[in-house]
């Protein structure tokens, strides 16, 4: 859709868009199985990664859905033990979420 056009503005080689190669959920599951970690918004891919037991970091919005237990300030999910949740503290403030993910990703990469 129109939002995918934003990929054209990304630095060259930084984003790999394979959406046109995914025909069904098996293709998507095969793609999810490849990387060490999936980082996603609340989407079907996040649920698929969690269901497959793949490490997944969920970027969750301030007005979160019930399934992520927003009132409990949890960073884990009872539905998907391999999931870690990064929540917006302020509505619309994605920068703080991205900064937290960036720090944690750098820490993870430094441990090998």
PDB file of N, CA and C in Angstrom:
ATOM      1  N   UNK A   1       0.802  -1.191   0.000  1.00  0.00           N
ATOM      2  CA  UNK A   1       0.000   0.000   0.000  1.00  0.00           C
ATOM      3  C   UNK A   1       0.840   1.248   0.000  1.00  0.00           C
ATOM      4  N   UNK A   2       0.198   2.378   0.183  1.00  0.00           N
ATOM      5  CA  UNK A   2       0.904   3.659   0.157  1.00  0.00           C
ATOM      6  C   UNK A   2       2.037   3.756   1.185  1.00  0.00           C
ATOM      7  N   UNK A   3       1.867   3.170   2.353  1.00  0.00           N
ATOM      8  CA  UNK A   3       2.919   3.246   3.373  1.00  0.00           C
ATOM      9  C   UNK A   3       4.194   2.550   2.906  1.00  0.00           C
ATOM     10  N   UNK A   4       4.057   1.523   2.094  1.00  0.00           N
ATOM     11  CA  UNK A   4       5.235   0.806   1.596  1.00  0.00           C
ATOM     12  C   UNK A   4       6.105   1.692   0.724  1.00  0.00           C
ATOM     13  N   UNK A   5       5.542   2.747   0.165  1.00  0.00           N
ATOM     14  CA  UNK A   5       6.317   3.675  -0.659  1.00  0.00           C
ATOM     15  C   UNK A   5       7.402   4.369   0.170  1.00  0.00           C
ATOM     16  N   UNK A   6       7.226   4.416   1.489  1.00  0.00           N
ATOM     17  CA  UNK A   6       8.231   5.032   2.356  1.00  0.00           C
ATOM     18  C   UNK A   6       9.557   4.275   2.285  1.00  0.00           C
ATOM     19  N   UNK A   7       9.500   3.006   1.920  1.00  0.00           N
ATOM     20  CA  UNK A   7      10.726   2.221   1.806  1.00  0.00           C
ATOM     21  C   UNK A   7      11.662   2.790   0.753  1.00  0.00           C
ATOM     22  N   UNK A   8      11.092   3.456  -0.245  1.00  0.00           N
ATOM     23  CA  UNK A   8      11.909   4.042  -1.300  1.00  0.00           C
ATOM     24  C   UNK A   8      12.817   5.146  -0.766  1.00  0.00           C
ATOM     25  N   UNK A   9      12.448   5.752   0.358  1.00  0.00           N
ATOM     26  CA  UNK A   9      13.247   6.824   0.948  1.00  0.00           C
ATOM     27  C   UNK A   9      14.299   6.314   1.925  1.00  0.00           C
ATOM     28  N   UNK A  10      14.294   5.012   2.220  1.00  0.00           N
ATOM     29  CA  UNK A  10      15.252   4.444   3.168  1.00  0.00           C
ATOM     30  C   UNK A  10      16.640   4.391   2.527  1.00  0.00           C
ATOM     31  N   UNK A  11      17.677   4.487   3.363  1.00  0.00           N
ATOM     32  CA  UNK A  11      19.030   4.362   2.818  1.00  0.00           C
ATOM     33  C   UNK A  11      19.179   3.036   2.064  1.00  0.00           C
ATOM     34  N   UNK A  12      19.870   3.070   0.969  1.00  0.00           N
ATOM     35  CA  UNK A  12      20.047   1.899   0.109  1.00  0.00           C
ATOM     36  C   UNK A  12      20.621   0.715   0.885  1.00  0.00           C
ATOM     37  N   UNK A  13      20.011  -0.435   0.691  1.00  0.00           N
ATOM     38  CA  UNK A  13      20.494  -1.654   1.310  1.00  0.00           C
ATOM     39  C   UNK A  13      20.113  -1.850   2.760  1.00  0.00           C
ATOM     40  N   UNK A  14      19.403  -0.915   3.352  1.00  0.00           N
ATOM     41  CA  UNK A  14      19.068  -1.002   4.769  1.00  0.00           C
ATOM     42  C   UNK A  14      17.799  -1.803   5.026  1.00  0.00           C
ATOM     43  N   UNK A  15      16.892  -1.822   4.042  1.00  0.00           N
ATOM     44  CA  UNK A  15      15.625  -2.521   4.211  1.00  0.00           C
ATOM     45  C   UNK A  15      15.416  -3.463   3.036  1.00  0.00           C
ATOM     46  N   UNK A  16      15.095  -4.681   3.347  1.00  0.00           N
ATOM     47  CA  UNK A  16      14.807  -5.674   2.320  1.00  0.00           C
ATOM     48  C   UNK A  16      13.307  -5.940   2.343  1.00  0.00           C
ATOM     49  N   UNK A  17      12.616  -5.562   1.299  1.00  0.00           N
ATOM     50  CA  UNK A  17      11.173  -5.766   1.199  1.00  0.00           C
ATOM     51  C   UNK A  17      10.920  -7.024   0.376  1.00  0.00           C
ATOM     52  N   UNK A  18      10.402  -8.055   1.029  1.00  0.00           N
ATOM     53  CA  UNK A  18      10.143  -9.321   0.347  1.00  0.00           C
ATOM     54  C   UNK A  18       8.649  -9.616   0.240  1.00  0.00           C
ATOM     55  N   UNK A  19       7.820  -8.615   0.498  1.00  0.00           N
ATOM     56  CA  UNK A  19       6.375  -8.817   0.526  1.00  0.00           C
ATOM     57  C   UNK A  19       5.846  -9.442  -0.765  1.00  0.00           C
ATOM     58  N   UNK A  20       6.426  -9.058  -1.890  1.00  0.00           N
ATOM     59  CA  UNK A  20       5.931  -9.591  -3.161  1.00  0.00           C
ATOM     60  C   UNK A  20       6.267 -11.070  -3.360  1.00  0.00           C
ATOM     61  N   UNK A  21       7.130 -11.628  -2.505  1.00  0.00           N
ATOM     62  CA  UNK A  21       7.503 -13.052  -2.612  1.00  0.00           C
ATOM     63  C   UNK A  21       6.699 -13.956  -1.673  1.00  0.00           C
ATOM     64  N   UNK A  22       5.896 -13.345  -0.807  1.00  0.00           N
ATOM     65  CA  UNK A  22       5.140 -14.126   0.171  1.00  0.00           C
ATOM     66  C   UNK A  22       3.762 -14.457  -0.390  1.00  0.00           C
ATOM     67  N   UNK A  23       3.541 -15.738  -0.636  1.00  0.00           N
ATOM     68  CA  UNK A  23       2.267 -16.173  -1.205  1.00  0.00           C
ATOM     69  C   UNK A  23       1.275 -16.642  -0.143  1.00  0.00           C
ATOM     70  N   UNK A  24       1.794 -17.178   0.965  1.00  0.00           N
ATOM     71  CA  UNK A  24       0.910 -17.737   1.986  1.00  0.00           C
ATOM     72  C   UNK A  24       1.628 -17.732   3.339  1.00  0.00           C
ATOM     73  N   UNK A  25       0.937 -18.274   4.362  1.00  0.00           N
ATOM     74  CA  UNK A  25       1.510 -18.274   5.705  1.00  0.00           C
ATOM     75  C   UNK A  25       2.742 -19.157   5.812  1.00  0.00           C
ATOM     76  N   UNK A  26       2.835 -20.188   5.008  1.00  0.00           N
ATOM     77  CA  UNK A  26       4.040 -21.025   5.040  1.00  0.00           C
ATOM     78  C   UNK A  26       5.254 -20.229   4.592  1.00  0.00           C
ATOM     79  N   UNK A  27       5.090 -19.428   3.531  1.00  0.00           N
ATOM     80  CA  UNK A  27       6.189 -18.562   3.091  1.00  0.00           C
ATOM     81  C   UNK A  27       6.583 -17.590   4.200  1.00  0.00           C
ATOM     82  N   UNK A  28       5.584 -17.037   4.875  1.00  0.00           N
ATOM     83  CA  UNK A  28       5.852 -16.089   5.953  1.00  0.00           C
ATOM     84  C   UNK A  28       6.544 -16.792   7.125  1.00  0.00           C
ATOM     85  N   UNK A  29       6.090 -17.982   7.469  1.00  0.00           N
ATOM     86  CA  UNK A  29       6.720 -18.761   8.548  1.00  0.00           C
ATOM     87  C   UNK A  29       8.163 -19.098   8.187  1.00  0.00           C
ATOM     88  N   UNK A  30       8.413 -19.433   6.939  1.00  0.00           N
ATOM     89  CA  UNK A  30       9.788 -19.712   6.500  1.00  0.00           C
ATOM     90  C   UNK A  30      10.662 -18.477   6.647  1.00  0.00           C
ATOM     91  N   UNK A  31      10.122 -17.318   6.306  1.00  0.00           N
ATOM     92  CA  UNK A  31      10.864 -16.067   6.445  1.00  0.00           C
ATOM     93  C   UNK A  31      11.148 -15.759   7.917  1.00  0.00           C
ATOM     94  N   UNK A  32      10.159 -15.932   8.764  1.00  0.00           N
ATOM     95  CA  UNK A  32      10.303 -15.666  10.198  1.00  0.00           C
ATOM     96  C   UNK A  32      11.333 -16.612  10.828  1.00  0.00           C
ATOM     97  N   UNK A  33      11.450 -17.815  10.318  1.00  0.00           N
ATOM     98  CA  UNK A  33      12.370 -18.804  10.881  1.00  0.00           C
ATOM     99  C   UNK A  33      13.838 -18.433  10.670  1.00  0.00           C
ATOM    100  N   UNK A  34      14.127 -17.579   9.700  1.00  0.00           N
ATOM    101  CA  UNK A  34      15.506 -17.277   9.350  1.00  0.00           C
ATOM    102  C   UNK A  34      16.291 -16.432  10.338  1.00  0.00           C
ATOM    103  N   UNK A  35      15.828 -15.245  10.690  1.00  0.00           N
ATOM    104  CA  UNK A  35      16.641 -14.370  11.551  1.00  0.00           C
ATOM    105  C   UNK A  35      16.663 -14.843  13.003  1.00  0.00           C
ATOM    106  N   UNK A  36      17.639 -14.322  13.754  1.00  0.00           N
ATOM    107  CA  UNK A  36      17.737 -14.649  15.184  1.00  0.00           C
ATOM    108  C   UNK A  36      16.646 -13.984  15.996  1.00  0.00           C
ATOM    109  N   UNK A  37      16.116 -12.868  15.494  1.00  0.00           N
ATOM    110  CA  UNK A  37      15.154 -12.064  16.240  1.00  0.00           C
ATOM    111  C   UNK A  37      14.211 -11.370  15.263  1.00  0.00           C
ATOM    112  N   UNK A  38      12.931 -11.332  15.604  1.00  0.00           N
ATOM    113  CA  UNK A  38      11.937 -10.587  14.841  1.00  0.00           C
ATOM    114  C   UNK A  38      11.551  -9.373  15.672  1.00  0.00           C
ATOM    115  N   UNK A  39      11.585  -8.196  15.065  1.00  0.00           N
ATOM    116  CA  UNK A  39      11.137  -6.965  15.716  1.00  0.00           C
ATOM    117  C   UNK A  39       9.955  -6.470  14.910  1.00  0.00           C
ATOM    118  N   UNK A  40       8.809  -6.294  15.573  1.00  0.00           N
ATOM    119  CA  UNK A  40       7.574  -6.007  14.849  1.00  0.00           C
ATOM    120  C   UNK A  40       6.629  -5.152  15.676  1.00  0.00           C
ATOM    121  N   UNK A  41       5.746  -4.469  14.987  1.00  0.00           N
ATOM    122  CA  UNK A  41       4.606  -3.857  15.642  1.00  0.00           C
ATOM    123  C   UNK A  41       3.592  -4.969  15.909  1.00  0.00           C
ATOM    124  N   UNK A  42       2.471  -4.629  16.518  1.00  0.00           N
ATOM    125  CA  UNK A  42       1.405  -5.599  16.757  1.00  0.00           C
ATOM    126  C   UNK A  42       0.812  -5.984  15.404  1.00  0.00           C
ATOM    127  N   UNK A  43       1.254  -7.103  14.881  1.00  0.00           N
ATOM    128  CA  UNK A  43       0.841  -7.552  13.552  1.00  0.00           C
ATOM    129  C   UNK A  43       0.763  -9.063  13.534  1.00  0.00           C
ATOM    130  N   UNK A  44       0.262  -9.592  12.440  1.00  0.00           N
ATOM    131  CA  UNK A  44       0.187 -11.044  12.289  1.00  0.00           C
ATOM    132  C   UNK A  44       1.572 -11.670  12.353  1.00  0.00           C
ATOM    133  N   UNK A  45       2.583 -10.966  11.860  1.00  0.00           N
ATOM    134  CA  UNK A  45       3.944 -11.504  11.891  1.00  0.00           C
ATOM    135  C   UNK A  45       4.421 -11.650  13.336  1.00  0.00           C
ATOM    136  N   UNK A  46       4.105 -10.696  14.189  1.00  0.00           N
ATOM    137  CA  UNK A  46       4.479 -10.804  15.604  1.00  0.00           C
ATOM    138  C   UNK A  46       3.812 -12.018  16.242  1.00  0.00           C
ATOM    139  N   UNK A  47       2.557 -12.230  15.948  1.00  0.00           N
ATOM    140  CA  UNK A  47       1.850 -13.389  16.488  1.00  0.00           C
ATOM    141  C   UNK A  47       2.430 -14.690  15.936  1.00  0.00           C
ATOM    142  N   UNK A  48       2.740 -14.711  14.664  1.00  0.00           N
ATOM    143  CA  UNK A  48       3.314 -15.905  14.050  1.00  0.00           C
ATOM    144  C   UNK A  48       4.664 -16.222  14.682  1.00  0.00           C
ATOM    145  N   UNK A  49       5.517 -15.216  14.824  1.00  0.00           N
ATOM    146  CA  UNK A  49       6.822 -15.438  15.441  1.00  0.00           C
ATOM    147  C   UNK A  49       6.658 -15.970  16.865  1.00  0.00           C
ATOM    148  N   UNK A  50       5.760 -15.367  17.629  1.00  0.00           N
ATOM    149  CA  UNK A  50       5.514 -15.842  18.986  1.00  0.00           C
ATOM    150  C   UNK A  50       4.995 -17.266  19.016  1.00  0.00           C
ATOM    151  N   UNK A  51       4.078 -17.582  18.121  1.00  0.00           N
ATOM    152  CA  UNK A  51       3.514 -18.931  18.071  1.00  0.00           C
ATOM    153  C   UNK A  51       4.563 -19.966  17.680  1.00  0.00           C
ATOM    154  N   UNK A  52       5.539 -19.542  16.882  1.00  0.00           N
ATOM    155  CA  UNK A  52       6.614 -20.439  16.463  1.00  0.00           C
ATOM    156  C   UNK A  52       7.732 -20.519  17.500  1.00  0.00           C
ATOM    157  N   UNK A  53       7.621 -19.724  18.582  1.00  0.00           N
ATOM    158  CA  UNK A  53       8.649 -19.724  19.616  1.00  0.00           C
ATOM    159  C   UNK A  53       9.894 -18.945  19.228  1.00  0.00           C
ATOM    160  N   UNK A  54       9.793 -18.144  18.177  1.00  0.00           N
ATOM    161  CA  UNK A  54      10.903 -17.317  17.717  1.00  0.00           C
ATOM    162  C   UNK A  54      11.036 -16.106  18.630  1.00  0.00           C
ATOM    163  N   UNK A  55      12.249 -15.729  19.039  1.00  0.00           N
ATOM    164  CA  UNK A  55      12.378 -14.491  19.806  1.00  0.00           C
ATOM    165  C   UNK A  55      11.776 -13.328  19.015  1.00  0.00           C
ATOM    166  N   UNK A  56      10.880 -12.588  19.659  1.00  0.00           N
ATOM    167  CA  UNK A  56      10.204 -11.471  18.993  1.00  0.00           C
ATOM    168  C   UNK A  56      10.072 -10.313  19.971  1.00  0.00           C
ATOM    169  N   UNK A  57      10.414  -9.129  19.487  1.00  0.00           N
ATOM    170  CA  UNK A  57      10.244  -7.907  20.262  1.00  0.00           C
ATOM    171  C   UNK A  57       9.089  -7.153  19.652  1.00  0.00           C
ATOM    172  N   UNK A  58       8.091  -6.890  20.462  1.00  0.00           N
ATOM    173  CA  UNK A  58       6.876  -6.206  20.019  1.00  0.00           C
ATOM    174  C   UNK A  58       6.935  -4.739  20.389  1.00  0.00           C
ATOM    175  N   UNK A  59       6.776  -3.857  19.418  1.00  0.00           N
ATOM    176  CA  UNK A  59       6.685  -2.422  19.648  1.00  0.00           C
ATOM    177  C   UNK A  59       5.209  -2.105  19.807  1.00  0.00           C
ATOM    178  N   UNK A  60       4.799  -1.781  21.026  1.00  0.00           N
ATOM    179  CA  UNK A  60       3.384  -1.646  21.355  1.00  0.00           C
ATOM    180  C   UNK A  60       3.001  -0.190  21.596  1.00  0.00           C
ATOM    181  N   UNK A  61       1.839   0.162  21.111  1.00  0.00           N
ATOM    182  CA  UNK A  61       1.359   1.541  21.243  1.00  0.00           C
ATOM    183  C   UNK A  61       0.813   1.809  22.649  1.00  0.00           C
ATOM    184  N   UNK A  62       0.678   3.092  22.965  1.00  0.00           N
ATOM    185  CA  UNK A  62       0.229   3.527  24.289  1.00  0.00           C
ATOM    186  C   UNK A  62      -1.142   2.945  24.640  1.00  0.00           C
ATOM    187  N   UNK A  63      -2.082   3.024  23.717  1.00  0.00           N
ATOM    188  CA  UNK A  63      -3.440   2.500  23.959  1.00  0.00           C
ATOM    189  C   UNK A  63      -3.522   1.042  23.506  1.00  0.00           C
ATOM    190  N   UNK A  64      -2.734   0.234  24.139  1.00  0.00           N
ATOM    191  CA  UNK A  64      -2.546  -1.166  23.773  1.00  0.00           C
ATOM    192  C   UNK A  64      -3.835  -1.982  23.849  1.00  0.00           C
ATOM    193  N   UNK A  65      -3.860  -3.051  23.085  1.00  0.00           N
ATOM    194  CA  UNK A  65      -4.976  -3.996  23.137  1.00  0.00           C
ATOM    195  C   UNK A  65      -4.912  -4.812  24.427  1.00  0.00           C
ATOM    196  N   UNK A  66      -6.028  -5.399  24.781  1.00  0.00           N
ATOM    197  CA  UNK A  66      -6.145  -6.194  26.003  1.00  0.00           C
ATOM    198  C   UNK A  66      -5.144  -7.341  26.040  1.00  0.00           C
ATOM    199  N   UNK A  67      -4.844  -7.901  24.880  1.00  0.00           N
ATOM    200  CA  UNK A  67      -3.999  -9.105  24.860  1.00  0.00           C
ATOM    201  C   UNK A  67      -2.586  -8.863  25.378  1.00  0.00           C
ATOM    202  N   UNK A  68      -2.147  -7.595  25.374  1.00  0.00           N
ATOM    203  CA  UNK A  68      -0.793  -7.283  25.847  1.00  0.00           C
ATOM    204  C   UNK A  68      -0.805  -6.801  27.295  1.00  0.00           C
ATOM    205  N   UNK A  69      -1.946  -6.922  27.965  1.00  0.00           N
ATOM    206  CA  UNK A  69      -2.111  -6.607  29.383  1.00  0.00           C
ATOM    207  C   UNK A  69      -1.515  -5.239  29.735  1.00  0.00           C
ATOM    208  N   UNK A  70      -2.031  -4.190  29.089  1.00  0.00           N
ATOM    209  CA  UNK A  70      -1.423  -2.865  29.237  1.00  0.00           C
ATOM    210  C   UNK A  70      -1.420  -2.309  30.653  1.00  0.00           C
ATOM    211  N   UNK A  71      -2.410  -2.588  31.442  1.00  0.00           N
ATOM    212  CA  UNK A  71      -2.472  -2.039  32.796  1.00  0.00           C
ATOM    213  C   UNK A  71      -1.473  -2.662  33.748  1.00  0.00           C
ATOM    214  N   UNK A  72      -0.844  -3.745  33.341  1.00  0.00           N
ATOM    215  CA  UNK A  72       0.080  -4.445  34.225  1.00  0.00           C
ATOM    216  C   UNK A  72       1.546  -4.074  33.989  1.00  0.00           C
ATOM    217  N   UNK A  73       1.790  -3.232  32.986  1.00  0.00           N
ATOM    218  CA  UNK A  73       3.166  -2.802  32.672  1.00  0.00           C
ATOM    219  C   UNK A  73       4.126  -3.971  32.495  1.00  0.00           C
ATOM    220  N   UNK A  74       3.648  -5.029  31.900  1.00  0.00           N
ATOM    221  CA  UNK A  74       4.499  -6.199  31.671  1.00  0.00           C
ATOM    222  C   UNK A  74       5.368  -5.989  30.436  1.00  0.00           C
ATOM    223  N   UNK A  75       6.526  -6.596  30.456  1.00  0.00           N
ATOM    224  CA  UNK A  75       7.398  -6.591  29.284  1.00  0.00           C
ATOM    225  C   UNK A  75       7.440  -7.970  28.637  1.00  0.00           C
ATOM    226  N   UNK A  76       6.639  -8.885  29.183  1.00  0.00           N
ATOM    227  CA  UNK A  76       6.545 -10.224  28.614  1.00  0.00           C
ATOM    228  C   UNK A  76       5.101 -10.500  28.237  1.00  0.00           C
ATOM    229  N   UNK A  77       4.878 -11.640  27.612  1.00  0.00           N
ATOM    230  CA  UNK A  77       3.533 -12.026  27.198  1.00  0.00           C
ATOM    231  C   UNK A  77       3.208 -13.424  27.708  1.00  0.00           C
ATOM    232  N   UNK A  78       2.066 -13.586  28.359  1.00  0.00           N
ATOM    233  CA  UNK A  78       1.689 -14.934  28.777  1.00  0.00           C
ATOM    234  C   UNK A  78       1.335 -15.822  27.586  1.00  0.00           C
ATOM    235  N   UNK A  79       1.033 -15.217  26.453  1.00  0.00           N
ATOM    236  CA  UNK A  79       0.649 -15.981  25.266  1.00  0.00           C
ATOM    237  C   UNK A  79       1.878 -16.521  24.528  1.00  0.00           C
ATOM    238  N   UNK A  80       2.947 -15.723  24.541  1.00  0.00           N
ATOM    239  CA  UNK A  80       4.143 -16.067  23.773  1.00  0.00           C
ATOM    240  C   UNK A  80       5.374 -15.896  24.669  1.00  0.00           C
ATOM    241  N   UNK A  81       5.877 -16.964  25.249  1.00  0.00           N
ATOM    242  CA  UNK A  81       7.030 -16.850  26.149  1.00  0.00           C
ATOM    243  C   UNK A  81       8.285 -16.253  25.499  1.00  0.00           C
ATOM    244  N   UNK A  82       8.396 -16.317  24.188  1.00  0.00           N
ATOM    245  CA  UNK A  82       9.589 -15.796  23.510  1.00  0.00           C
ATOM    246  C   UNK A  82       9.467 -14.308  23.167  1.00  0.00           C
ATOM    247  N   UNK A  83       8.380 -13.672  23.602  1.00  0.00           N
ATOM    248  CA  UNK A  83       8.125 -12.270  23.249  1.00  0.00           C
ATOM    249  C   UNK A  83       8.562 -11.320  24.358  1.00  0.00           C
ATOM    250  N   UNK A  84       9.102 -10.190  23.928  1.00  0.00           N
ATOM    251  CA  UNK A  84       9.415  -9.082  24.822  1.00  0.00           C
ATOM    252  C   UNK A  84       8.672  -7.858  24.295  1.00  0.00           C
ATOM    253  N   UNK A  85       8.034  -7.119  25.193  1.00  0.00           N
ATOM    254  CA  UNK A  85       7.211  -5.984  24.780  1.00  0.00           C
ATOM    255  C   UNK A  85       7.890  -4.667  25.146  1.00  0.00           C
ATOM    256  N   UNK A  86       7.981  -3.787  24.155  1.00  0.00           N
ATOM    257  CA  UNK A  86       8.491  -2.425  24.339  1.00  0.00           C
ATOM    258  C   UNK A  86       7.296  -1.502  24.137  1.00  0.00           C
ATOM    259  N   UNK A  87       6.897  -0.794  25.181  1.00  0.00           N
ATOM    260  CA  UNK A  87       5.665  -0.009  25.158  1.00  0.00           C
ATOM    261  C   UNK A  87       5.924   1.496  25.038  1.00  0.00           C
ATOM    262  N   UNK A  88       4.995   2.154  24.356  1.00  0.00           N
ATOM    263  CA  UNK A  88       4.985   3.620  24.383  1.00  0.00           C
ATOM    264  C   UNK A  88       4.570   4.052  25.783  1.00  0.00           C
ATOM    265  N   UNK A  89       5.261   5.020  26.337  1.00  0.00           N
ATOM    266  CA  UNK A  89       4.895   5.575  27.636  1.00  0.00           C
ATOM    267  C   UNK A  89       3.983   6.776  27.435  1.00  0.00           C
ATOM    268  N   UNK A  90       4.176   7.458  26.320  1.00  0.00           N
ATOM    269  CA  UNK A  90       3.401   8.636  25.969  1.00  0.00           C
ATOM    270  C   UNK A  90       2.761   8.400  24.606  1.00  0.00           C
ATOM    271  N   UNK A  91       1.471   8.709  24.453  1.00  0.00           N
ATOM    272  CA  UNK A  91       0.825   8.504  23.153  1.00  0.00           C
ATOM    273  C   UNK A  91       1.616   9.180  22.021  1.00  0.00           C
ATOM    274  N   UNK A  92       1.853   8.421  20.971  1.00  0.00           N
ATOM    275  CA  UNK A  92       2.520   8.941  19.786  1.00  0.00           C
ATOM    276  C   UNK A  92       4.034   9.001  19.874  1.00  0.00           C
ATOM    277  N   UNK A  93       4.613   8.709  21.032  1.00  0.00           N
ATOM    278  CA  UNK A  93       6.065   8.801  21.190  1.00  0.00           C
ATOM    279  C   UNK A  93       6.733   7.479  20.823  1.00  0.00           C
ATOM    280  N   UNK A  94       6.976   7.319  19.541  1.00  0.00           N
ATOM    281  CA  UNK A  94       7.661   6.112  19.081  1.00  0.00           C
ATOM    282  C   UNK A  94       9.167   6.228  19.257  1.00  0.00           C
ATOM    283  N   UNK A  95       9.682   7.450  19.329  1.00  0.00           N
ATOM    284  CA  UNK A  95      11.134   7.614  19.430  1.00  0.00           C
ATOM    285  C   UNK A  95      11.687   6.950  20.683  1.00  0.00           C
ATOM    286  N   UNK A  96      10.989   7.087  21.807  1.00  0.00           N
ATOM    287  CA  UNK A  96      11.446   6.447  23.047  1.00  0.00           C
ATOM    288  C   UNK A  96      11.443   4.925  22.909  1.00  0.00           C
ATOM    289  N   UNK A  97      10.456   4.388  22.225  1.00  0.00           N
ATOM    290  CA  UNK A  97      10.383   2.940  21.999  1.00  0.00           C
ATOM    291  C   UNK A  97      11.552   2.506  21.123  1.00  0.00           C
ATOM    292  N   UNK A  98      11.789   3.228  20.026  1.00  0.00           N
ATOM    293  CA  UNK A  98      12.880   2.895  19.116  1.00  0.00           C
ATOM    294  C   UNK A  98      14.222   3.011  19.836  1.00  0.00           C
ATOM    295  N   UNK A  99      14.384   4.046  20.657  1.00  0.00           N
ATOM    296  CA  UNK A  99      15.632   4.212  21.404  1.00  0.00           C
ATOM    297  C   UNK A  99      15.868   3.038  22.354  1.00  0.00           C
ATOM    298  N   UNK A 100      14.810   2.577  23.035  1.00  0.00           N
ATOM    299  CA  UNK A 100      14.938   1.432  23.942  1.00  0.00           C
ATOM    300  C   UNK A 100      15.302   0.165  23.174  1.00  0.00           C
ATOM    301  N   UNK A 101      14.662  -0.032  22.035  1.00  0.00           N
ATOM    302  CA  UNK A 101      14.973  -1.205  21.206  1.00  0.00           C
ATOM    303  C   UNK A 101      16.417  -1.116  20.711  1.00  0.00           C
ATOM    304  N   UNK A 102      16.830   0.065  20.272  1.00  0.00           N
ATOM    305  CA  UNK A 102      18.206   0.251  19.790  1.00  0.00           C
ATOM    306  C   UNK A 102      19.222  -0.097  20.879  1.00  0.00           C
ATOM    307  N   UNK A 103      18.978   0.371  22.116  1.00  0.00           N
ATOM    308  CA  UNK A 103      19.893   0.065  23.220  1.00  0.00           C
ATOM    309  C   UNK A 103      19.949  -1.434  23.493  1.00  0.00           C
ATOM    310  N   UNK A 104      18.784  -2.060  23.561  1.00  0.00           N
ATOM    311  CA  UNK A 104      18.732  -3.487  23.849  1.00  0.00           C
ATOM    312  C   UNK A 104      19.340  -4.329  22.721  1.00  0.00           C
ATOM    313  N   UNK A 105      19.129  -3.891  21.502  1.00  0.00           N
ATOM    314  CA  UNK A 105      19.704  -4.596  20.351  1.00  0.00           C
ATOM    315  C   UNK A 105      21.228  -4.473  20.367  1.00  0.00           C
ATOM    316  N   UNK A 106      21.736  -3.294  20.690  1.00  0.00           N
ATOM    317  CA  UNK A 106      23.188  -3.108  20.790  1.00  0.00           C
ATOM    318  C   UNK A 106      23.762  -3.989  21.903  1.00  0.00           C
ATOM    319  N   UNK A 107      23.068  -4.064  23.040  1.00  0.00           N
ATOM    320  CA  UNK A 107      23.524  -4.908  24.142  1.00  0.00           C
ATOM    321  C   UNK A 107      23.521  -6.378  23.735  1.00  0.00           C
ATOM    322  N   UNK A 108      22.475  -6.793  23.037  1.00  0.00           N
ATOM    323  CA  UNK A 108      22.376  -8.173  22.569  1.00  0.00           C
ATOM    324  C   UNK A 108      23.493  -8.485  21.574  1.00  0.00           C
ATOM    325  N   UNK A 109      23.759  -7.576  20.667  1.00  0.00           N
ATOM    326  CA  UNK A 109      24.809  -7.786  19.653  1.00  0.00           C
ATOM    327  C   UNK A 109      26.186  -7.844  20.298  1.00  0.00           C
ATOM    328  N   UNK A 110      26.393  -7.084  21.363  1.00  0.00           N
ATOM    329  CA  UNK A 110      27.714  -7.074  21.997  1.00  0.00           C
ATOM    330  C   UNK A 110      28.011  -8.365  22.754  1.00  0.00           C
ATOM    331  N   UNK A 111      26.963  -9.113  23.096  1.00  0.00           N
ATOM    332  CA  UNK A 111      27.170 -10.384  23.814  1.00  0.00           C
ATOM    333  C   UNK A 111      27.335 -11.549  22.859  1.00  0.00           C
ATOM    334  N   UNK A 112      27.143 -11.278  21.565  1.00  0.00           N
ATOM    335  CA  UNK A 112      27.323 -12.329  20.567  1.00  0.00           C
ATOM    336  C   UNK A 112      26.126 -13.189  20.474  1.00  0.00           C
TER     337      UNK A 112
END
